[in-house]
Amino acid sequence: MKNKQRKKIHERIEVVFEDQDLIIVNKAAGILSYPVGEERAESVIQLIRRYWKVQNNPHRHLYLMHRLDKETSGLIVFAKSSIGRDSLRRQFEDHTIVRGYLAVTNGIPRKKAGKIQTYLARDQRGRRAVSRKGKEAITQYRVIGWNETSQRALVRCYLHTGRTHQVRIHLAHIGTPVLGDPVYGRPGDGHRLALHAEALGIRHPRTETPLVIRTSMPAEMQNLLGARGNCIYFQSGALR
């Protein structure tokens, strides 16, 4: 399927694909996926509707199918039709959607690749955590670069399930939390949440054609890892 031309709709949001059933955007860190309570900050949903209004088409449906945390950057897909909504809902429920993340971790994982398989539930404080109960969560990961001096690593993760905060909890579970994670990480590191939703793969709702979108890691995340020349290892083509 041909990817439509990328289009900036806001200083920190870019449309990377849009047709009659879908709109996929790449958002920067600091943007809400959708309006929350009394929060006055602009959300992706509000900015998409504003973009459509400028195009004189303000009355389209827009269905939120998943979300990213405010401080996580990367790809989000929305449905624009009932066909798109129903198809994406089934794909999310069946865990057939490809969701890839890049994370800069505080610490270097001992094993450079593996599968993290746990159950996630809420703990006594109401926070999500690894548990003997709850819902199964599976993350495949590979370390694609690391810096011995800063003791940071660049880790690519793919979700086999899509639990809330799954990547953040799983990387913390193996002792290398996402840099800048205020909930599951090490306090006081002073950085943004170094997590980016870099890849999204779905079957198009109307044609069943595979559609795969990838984005580049934001420069500020690469700067957190350090220059490539300072990395002990960097997999060829790791960020393509």
C-alpha atoms as a PDB file:
ATOM      1  CA  MET A   1       0.000   0.000   0.000  1.00  0.00           C
ATOM      2  CA  LYS A   2       1.333   3.380  -0.922  1.00  0.00           C
ATOM      3  CA  ASN A   3       2.078   5.619   2.044  1.00  0.00           C
ATOM      4  CA  LYS A   4       0.611   9.086   1.627  1.00  0.00           C
ATOM      5  CA  GLN A   5       2.988  12.043   1.861  1.00  0.00           C
ATOM      6  CA  ARG A   6       3.955  12.958   5.393  1.00  0.00           C
ATOM      7  CA  LYS A   7       2.440  16.212   6.569  1.00  0.00           C
ATOM      8  CA  LYS A   8       3.148  18.392   9.589  1.00  0.00           C
ATOM      9  CA  ILE A   9      -0.100  19.434  11.268  1.00  0.00           C
ATOM     10  CA  HIS A  10       1.545  20.942  14.349  1.00  0.00           C
ATOM     11  CA  GLU A  11       5.040  21.831  15.476  1.00  0.00           C
ATOM     12  CA  ARG A  12       5.278  18.462  17.256  1.00  0.00           C
ATOM     13  CA  ILE A  13       2.865  16.200  15.337  1.00  0.00           C
ATOM     14  CA  GLU A  14       3.152  14.741  11.852  1.00  0.00           C
ATOM     15  CA  VAL A  15       0.589  12.752   9.834  1.00  0.00           C
ATOM     16  CA  VAL A  16       2.470   9.775   8.360  1.00  0.00           C
ATOM     17  CA  PHE A  17      -0.527   8.014   6.767  1.00  0.00           C
ATOM     18  CA  GLU A  18      -4.160   8.911   6.133  1.00  0.00           C
ATOM     19  CA  ASP A  19      -6.998   7.488   4.050  1.00  0.00           C
ATOM     20  CA  GLN A  20     -10.750   7.036   4.474  1.00  0.00           C
ATOM     21  CA  ASP A  21     -10.383   4.504   7.311  1.00  0.00           C
ATOM     22  CA  LEU A  22      -7.195   5.402   9.171  1.00  0.00           C
ATOM     23  CA  ILE A  23      -4.975   8.221  10.303  1.00  0.00           C
ATOM     24  CA  ILE A  24      -1.540   7.448  11.743  1.00  0.00           C
ATOM     25  CA  VAL A  25       0.458  10.210  13.389  1.00  0.00           C
ATOM     26  CA  ASN A  26       3.924  10.547  14.846  1.00  0.00           C
ATOM     27  CA  LYS A  27       3.863  12.661  17.994  1.00  0.00           C
ATOM     28  CA  ALA A  28       6.680  14.205  19.968  1.00  0.00           C
ATOM     29  CA  ALA A  29       7.118  13.739  23.705  1.00  0.00           C
ATOM     30  CA  GLY A  30       4.990  16.083  25.811  1.00  0.00           C
ATOM     31  CA  ILE A  31       1.757  15.742  23.829  1.00  0.00           C
ATOM     32  CA  LEU A  32      -1.289  13.981  25.307  1.00  0.00           C
ATOM     33  CA  SER A  33      -2.923  11.266  23.205  1.00  0.00           C
ATOM     34  CA  TYR A  34      -6.381  12.502  24.223  1.00  0.00           C
ATOM     35  CA  PRO A  35      -7.890  15.102  26.599  1.00  0.00           C
ATOM     36  CA  VAL A  36      -7.688  14.079  30.260  1.00  0.00           C
ATOM     37  CA  GLY A  37      -9.800  15.617  33.020  1.00  0.00           C
ATOM     38  CA  GLU A  38      -8.892  19.231  33.748  1.00  0.00           C
ATOM     39  CA  GLU A  39      -5.689  19.005  31.700  1.00  0.00           C
ATOM     40  CA  ARG A  40      -5.588  22.043  29.404  1.00  0.00           C
ATOM     41  CA  ALA A  41      -2.664  20.914  27.302  1.00  0.00           C
ATOM     42  CA  GLU A  42      -3.441  20.168  23.671  1.00  0.00           C
ATOM     43  CA  SER A  43      -3.951  16.528  22.733  1.00  0.00           C
ATOM     44  CA  VAL A  44      -3.393  14.595  19.526  1.00  0.00           C
ATOM     45  CA  ILE A  45      -7.160  14.244  19.055  1.00  0.00           C
ATOM     46  CA  GLN A  46      -7.718  17.992  19.365  1.00  0.00           C
ATOM     47  CA  LEU A  47      -4.905  18.752  16.946  1.00  0.00           C
ATOM     48  CA  ILE A  48      -6.184  16.271  14.347  1.00  0.00           C
ATOM     49  CA  ARG A  49      -9.672  17.816  14.517  1.00  0.00           C
ATOM     50  CA  ARG A  50      -8.174  21.278  14.146  1.00  0.00           C
ATOM     51  CA  TYR A  51      -6.215  20.038  11.128  1.00  0.00           C
ATOM     52  CA  TRP A  52      -9.402  18.667   9.554  1.00  0.00           C
ATOM     53  CA  LYS A  53     -11.244  21.907  10.273  1.00  0.00           C
ATOM     54  CA  VAL A  54      -8.629  23.853   8.357  1.00  0.00           C
ATOM     55  CA  GLN A  55      -9.316  21.449   5.487  1.00  0.00           C
ATOM     56  CA  ASN A  56     -13.053  22.295   5.739  1.00  0.00           C
ATOM     57  CA  ASN A  57     -13.884  18.767   6.876  1.00  0.00           C
ATOM     58  CA  PRO A  58     -14.502  19.046  10.617  1.00  0.00           C
ATOM     59  CA  HIS A  59     -17.187  16.388  11.122  1.00  0.00           C
ATOM     60  CA  ARG A  60     -15.310  13.154  10.562  1.00  0.00           C
ATOM     61  CA  HIS A  61     -15.406  10.356  13.106  1.00  0.00           C
ATOM     62  CA  LEU A  62     -12.209   9.778  15.057  1.00  0.00           C
ATOM     63  CA  TYR A  63     -11.825   6.658  17.198  1.00  0.00           C
ATOM     64  CA  LEU A  64      -8.975   6.306  19.679  1.00  0.00           C
ATOM     65  CA  MET A  65      -7.749   2.684  19.417  1.00  0.00           C
ATOM     66  CA  HIS A  66      -4.760   2.866  21.774  1.00  0.00           C
ATOM     67  CA  ARG A  67      -2.664   5.536  23.406  1.00  0.00           C
ATOM     68  CA  LEU A  68       0.847   6.584  24.275  1.00  0.00           C
ATOM     69  CA  ASP A  69       1.827   8.185  27.553  1.00  0.00           C
ATOM     70  CA  LYS A  70       2.284  11.944  27.333  1.00  0.00           C
ATOM     71  CA  GLU A  71       6.071  11.701  27.550  1.00  0.00           C
ATOM     72  CA  THR A  72       6.369   8.794  25.090  1.00  0.00           C
ATOM     73  CA  SER A  73       6.948   9.835  21.484  1.00  0.00           C
ATOM     74  CA  GLY A  74       6.048   7.939  18.331  1.00  0.00           C
ATOM     75  CA  LEU A  75       3.246   6.374  16.338  1.00  0.00           C
ATOM     76  CA  ILE A  76      -0.466   6.276  17.156  1.00  0.00           C
ATOM     77  CA  VAL A  77      -3.200   4.933  14.879  1.00  0.00           C
ATOM     78  CA  PHE A  78      -6.792   6.225  14.922  1.00  0.00           C
ATOM     79  CA  ALA A  79      -9.794   4.853  13.052  1.00  0.00           C
ATOM     80  CA  LYS A  80     -11.915   7.212  10.951  1.00  0.00           C
ATOM     81  CA  SER A  81     -14.711   4.793  10.000  1.00  0.00           C
ATOM     82  CA  SER A  82     -16.711   1.990  11.602  1.00  0.00           C
ATOM     83  CA  ILE A  83     -14.877  -0.470   9.340  1.00  0.00           C
ATOM     84  CA  GLY A  84     -11.554   0.849  10.591  1.00  0.00           C
ATOM     85  CA  ARG A  85     -12.704   0.862  14.222  1.00  0.00           C
ATOM     86  CA  ASP A  86     -14.025  -2.715  14.191  1.00  0.00           C
ATOM     87  CA  SER A  87     -11.028  -4.122  12.334  1.00  0.00           C
ATOM     88  CA  LEU A  88      -8.427  -2.431  14.528  1.00  0.00           C
ATOM     89  CA  ARG A  89     -10.312  -3.461  17.666  1.00  0.00           C
ATOM     90  CA  ARG A  90     -10.124  -7.109  16.576  1.00  0.00           C
ATOM     91  CA  GLN A  91      -6.450  -6.790  15.678  1.00  0.00           C
ATOM     92  CA  PHE A  92      -5.618  -5.299  19.063  1.00  0.00           C
ATOM     93  CA  GLU A  93      -7.650  -7.963  20.880  1.00  0.00           C
ATOM     94  CA  ASP A  94      -5.961 -10.740  18.888  1.00  0.00           C
ATOM     95  CA  HIS A  95      -2.486  -9.204  19.458  1.00  0.00           C
ATOM     96  CA  THR A  96      -1.763  -9.304  15.720  1.00  0.00           C
ATOM     97  CA  ILE A  97      -0.662  -5.664  15.521  1.00  0.00           C
ATOM     98  CA  VAL A  98       3.105  -5.121  15.392  1.00  0.00           C
ATOM     99  CA  ARG A  99       4.201  -2.542  17.945  1.00  0.00           C
ATOM    100  CA  GLY A 100       7.888  -1.747  18.206  1.00  0.00           C
ATOM    101  CA  TYR A 101       9.572   0.581  20.686  1.00  0.00           C
ATOM    102  CA  LEU A 102      13.038   2.022  21.169  1.00  0.00           C
ATOM    103  CA  ALA A 103      14.138   2.721  24.738  1.00  0.00           C
ATOM    104  CA  VAL A 104      17.284   4.149  26.276  1.00  0.00           C
ATOM    105  CA  THR A 105      17.793   2.265  29.513  1.00  0.00           C
ATOM    106  CA  ASN A 106      19.463   3.179  32.765  1.00  0.00           C
ATOM    107  CA  GLY A 107      21.925   0.304  32.887  1.00  0.00           C
ATOM    108  CA  ILE A 108      22.898  -2.292  30.289  1.00  0.00           C
ATOM    109  CA  PRO A 109      20.848  -5.528  30.186  1.00  0.00           C
ATOM    110  CA  ARG A 110      22.957  -8.573  31.097  1.00  0.00           C
ATOM    111  CA  LYS A 111      21.421 -10.632  28.289  1.00  0.00           C
ATOM    112  CA  LYS A 112      21.597  -8.798  24.972  1.00  0.00           C
ATOM    113  CA  ALA A 113      18.387 -10.382  23.645  1.00  0.00           C
ATOM    114  CA  GLY A 114      15.505 -12.326  25.079  1.00  0.00           C
ATOM    115  CA  LYS A 115      11.850 -12.616  25.940  1.00  0.00           C
ATOM    116  CA  ILE A 116      10.348 -11.158  29.099  1.00  0.00           C
ATOM    117  CA  GLN A 117       7.187 -13.045  30.067  1.00  0.00           C
ATOM    118  CA  THR A 118       5.303 -12.145  33.250  1.00  0.00           C
ATOM    119  CA  TYR A 119       1.873 -11.348  34.585  1.00  0.00           C
ATOM    120  CA  LEU A 120       0.935  -7.738  35.326  1.00  0.00           C
ATOM    121  CA  ALA A 121      -1.549  -6.550  37.934  1.00  0.00           C
ATOM    122  CA  ARG A 122      -1.961  -3.652  40.343  1.00  0.00           C
ATOM    123  CA  ASP A 123       0.005  -3.780  43.581  1.00  0.00           C
ATOM    124  CA  GLN A 124      -1.147  -2.646  47.027  1.00  0.00           C
ATOM    125  CA  ARG A 125      -0.468   0.970  46.096  1.00  0.00           C
ATOM    126  CA  GLY A 126      -2.593   0.669  42.963  1.00  0.00           C
ATOM    127  CA  ARG A 127       0.457   0.804  40.716  1.00  0.00           C
ATOM    128  CA  ARG A 128       0.897  -1.677  37.861  1.00  0.00           C
ATOM    129  CA  ALA A 129       3.564  -4.255  38.631  1.00  0.00           C
ATOM    130  CA  VAL A 130       4.820  -7.749  37.879  1.00  0.00           C
ATOM    131  CA  SER A 131       2.603 -10.211  39.729  1.00  0.00           C
ATOM    132  CA  ARG A 132       1.814 -13.902  39.991  1.00  0.00           C
ATOM    133  CA  LYS A 133      -1.709 -12.983  38.965  1.00  0.00           C
ATOM    134  CA  GLY A 134      -3.188 -10.533  36.482  1.00  0.00           C
ATOM    135  CA  LYS A 135      -2.822 -10.548  32.701  1.00  0.00           C
ATOM    136  CA  GLU A 136      -0.021 -12.193  30.786  1.00  0.00           C
ATOM    137  CA  ALA A 137       2.506  -9.780  29.252  1.00  0.00           C
ATOM    138  CA  ILE A 138       5.213 -10.777  26.760  1.00  0.00           C
ATOM    139  CA  THR A 139       7.948  -8.504  25.409  1.00  0.00           C
ATOM    140  CA  GLN A 140      10.691  -9.513  22.967  1.00  0.00           C
ATOM    141  CA  TYR A 141      13.785  -7.319  23.251  1.00  0.00           C
ATOM    142  CA  ARG A 142      17.220  -6.857  21.725  1.00  0.00           C
ATOM    143  CA  VAL A 143      20.020  -4.539  22.816  1.00  0.00           C
ATOM    144  CA  ILE A 144      21.239  -2.769  19.683  1.00  0.00           C
ATOM    145  CA  GLY A 145      23.746  -0.398  21.227  1.00  0.00           C
ATOM    146  CA  TRP A 146      25.303   0.459  24.567  1.00  0.00           C
ATOM    147  CA  ASN A 147      27.715   2.865  26.190  1.00  0.00           C
ATOM    148  CA  GLU A 148      29.940   1.504  28.966  1.00  0.00           C
ATOM    149  CA  THR A 149      30.878   4.985  30.176  1.00  0.00           C
ATOM    150  CA  SER A 150      27.326   6.211  30.745  1.00  0.00           C
ATOM    151  CA  GLN A 151      26.007   2.711  31.531  1.00  0.00           C
ATOM    152  CA  ARG A 152      23.119   3.217  29.126  1.00  0.00           C
ATOM    153  CA  ALA A 153      21.777   1.001  26.362  1.00  0.00           C
ATOM    154  CA  LEU A 154      19.531   1.340  23.335  1.00  0.00           C
ATOM    155  CA  VAL A 155      16.959  -1.452  23.402  1.00  0.00           C
ATOM    156  CA  ARG A 156      14.413  -2.388  20.740  1.00  0.00           C
ATOM    157  CA  CYS A 157      11.250  -4.010  22.103  1.00  0.00           C
ATOM    158  CA  TYR A 158       8.345  -5.710  20.351  1.00  0.00           C
ATOM    159  CA  LEU A 159       5.095  -6.392  22.163  1.00  0.00           C
ATOM    160  CA  HIS A 160       3.384  -9.766  21.906  1.00  0.00           C
ATOM    161  CA  THR A 161       0.734  -8.353  24.219  1.00  0.00           C
ATOM    162  CA  GLY A 162      -0.278  -4.748  24.767  1.00  0.00           C
ATOM    163  CA  ARG A 163      -0.579  -4.114  28.489  1.00  0.00           C
ATOM    164  CA  THR A 164      -0.436  -0.606  29.943  1.00  0.00           C
ATOM    165  CA  HIS A 165       3.169   0.426  30.663  1.00  0.00           C
ATOM    166  CA  GLN A 166       4.348  -3.015  29.534  1.00  0.00           C
ATOM    167  CA  VAL A 167       7.734  -1.960  28.130  1.00  0.00           C
ATOM    168  CA  ARG A 168       8.461   0.285  31.101  1.00  0.00           C
ATOM    169  CA  ILE A 169       7.584  -2.404  33.656  1.00  0.00           C
ATOM    170  CA  HIS A 170       9.423  -5.187  31.839  1.00  0.00           C
ATOM    171  CA  LEU A 171      12.659  -3.249  31.370  1.00  0.00           C
ATOM    172  CA  ALA A 172      12.559  -2.274  35.039  1.00  0.00           C
ATOM    173  CA  HIS A 173      11.883  -5.935  35.906  1.00  0.00           C
ATOM    174  CA  ILE A 174      15.220  -7.019  34.363  1.00  0.00           C
ATOM    175  CA  GLY A 175      17.041  -4.277  36.248  1.00  0.00           C
ATOM    176  CA  THR A 176      17.424  -1.696  33.469  1.00  0.00           C
ATOM    177  CA  PRO A 177      14.519   0.771  33.654  1.00  0.00           C
ATOM    178  CA  VAL A 178      13.791   3.291  30.931  1.00  0.00           C
ATOM    179  CA  LEU A 179      15.821   6.435  31.465  1.00  0.00           C
ATOM    180  CA  GLY A 180      13.651   9.239  32.814  1.00  0.00           C
ATOM    181  CA  ASP A 181      10.824   6.952  33.980  1.00  0.00           C
ATOM    182  CA  PRO A 182       9.291   8.702  37.031  1.00  0.00           C
ATOM    183  CA  VAL A 183       7.259   5.648  38.095  1.00  0.00           C
ATOM    184  CA  TYR A 184       9.331   2.529  37.429  1.00  0.00           C
ATOM    185  CA  GLY A 185      12.784   4.058  37.016  1.00  0.00           C
ATOM    186  CA  ARG A 186      15.508   5.457  39.191  1.00  0.00           C
ATOM    187  CA  PRO A 187      14.509   8.799  40.738  1.00  0.00           C
ATOM    188  CA  GLY A 188      16.373  11.968  39.982  1.00  0.00           C
ATOM    189  CA  ASP A 189      17.944  11.148  36.633  1.00  0.00           C
ATOM    190  CA  GLY A 190      16.503  14.399  35.243  1.00  0.00           C
ATOM    191  CA  HIS A 191      15.639  13.252  31.720  1.00  0.00           C
ATOM    192  CA  ARG A 192      12.492  12.897  29.627  1.00  0.00           C
ATOM    193  CA  LEU A 193      11.025   9.404  29.414  1.00  0.00           C
ATOM    194  CA  ALA A 194      13.376   7.873  26.824  1.00  0.00           C
ATOM    195  CA  LEU A 195      10.784   5.752  25.045  1.00  0.00           C
ATOM    196  CA  HIS A 196       9.722   5.990  21.404  1.00  0.00           C
ATOM    197  CA  ALA A 197       7.041   4.000  19.544  1.00  0.00           C
ATOM    198  CA  GLU A 198       9.061   3.490  16.374  1.00  0.00           C
ATOM    199  CA  ALA A 199       7.133   0.813  14.446  1.00  0.00           C
ATOM    200  CA  LEU A 200       3.492  -0.004  13.794  1.00  0.00           C
ATOM    201  CA  GLY A 201       2.245  -2.847  11.620  1.00  0.00           C
ATOM    202  CA  ILE A 202      -1.414  -3.588  10.890  1.00  0.00           C
ATOM    203  CA  ARG A 203      -3.640  -5.107   8.239  1.00  0.00           C
ATOM    204  CA  HIS A 204      -5.591  -2.432   6.443  1.00  0.00           C
ATOM    205  CA  PRO A 205      -9.246  -2.663   7.526  1.00  0.00           C
ATOM    206  CA  ARG A 206     -10.682  -2.461   4.024  1.00  0.00           C
ATOM    207  CA  THR A 207      -8.112  -4.262   1.855  1.00  0.00           C
ATOM    208  CA  GLU A 208      -6.375  -6.595   4.356  1.00  0.00           C
ATOM    209  CA  THR A 209      -3.073  -5.384   2.893  1.00  0.00           C
ATOM    210  CA  PRO A 210      -0.197  -5.298   5.422  1.00  0.00           C
ATOM    211  CA  LEU A 211       0.738  -1.722   6.317  1.00  0.00           C
ATOM    212  CA  VAL A 212       3.994  -1.132   8.189  1.00  0.00           C
ATOM    213  CA  ILE A 213       5.150   2.325   9.303  1.00  0.00           C
ATOM    214  CA  ARG A 214       8.507   3.133  10.917  1.00  0.00           C
ATOM    215  CA  THR A 215       9.890   6.370  12.329  1.00  0.00           C
ATOM    216  CA  SER A 216      13.328   7.559  13.337  1.00  0.00           C
ATOM    217  CA  MET A 217      14.381   7.832  16.952  1.00  0.00           C
ATOM    218  CA  PRO A 218      14.206  11.465  18.159  1.00  0.00           C
ATOM    219  CA  ALA A 219      17.569  13.208  18.300  1.00  0.00           C
ATOM    220  CA  GLU A 220      17.236  13.940  22.008  1.00  0.00           C
ATOM    221  CA  MET A 221      17.029  10.204  22.736  1.00  0.00           C
ATOM    222  CA  GLN A 222      20.105   9.435  20.676  1.00  0.00           C
ATOM    223  CA  ASN A 223      21.933  12.184  22.550  1.00  0.00           C
ATOM    224  CA  LEU A 224      21.060  10.473  25.830  1.00  0.00           C
ATOM    225  CA  LEU A 225      22.832   7.334  24.649  1.00  0.00           C
ATOM    226  CA  GLY A 226      25.875   9.220  23.386  1.00  0.00           C
ATOM    227  CA  ALA A 227      27.569   9.449  20.019  1.00  0.00           C
ATOM    228  CA  ARG A 228      27.794   6.218  18.049  1.00  0.00           C
ATOM    229  CA  GLY A 229      31.564   6.382  18.230  1.00  0.00           C
ATOM    230  CA  ASN A 230      31.342   6.098  22.019  1.00  0.00           C
ATOM    231  CA  CYS A 231      29.197   2.984  21.886  1.00  0.00           C
ATOM    232  CA  ILE A 232      30.823  -0.385  22.430  1.00  0.00           C
ATOM    233  CA  TYR A 233      28.433  -1.977  19.956  1.00  0.00           C
ATOM    234  CA  PHE A 234      25.963  -0.683  17.430  1.00  0.00           C
ATOM    235  CA  GLN A 235      24.101  -3.124  15.220  1.00  0.00           C
ATOM    236  CA  SER A 236      24.358  -2.308  11.492  1.00  0.00           C
ATOM    237  CA  GLY A 237      21.217  -0.549  10.355  1.00  0.00           C
ATOM    238  CA  ALA A 238      19.838  -0.561  13.895  1.00  0.00           C
ATOM    239  CA  LEU A 239      17.961   2.708  13.523  1.00  0.00           C
ATOM    240  CA  ARG A 240      16.694   2.305   9.989  1.00  0.00           C
END
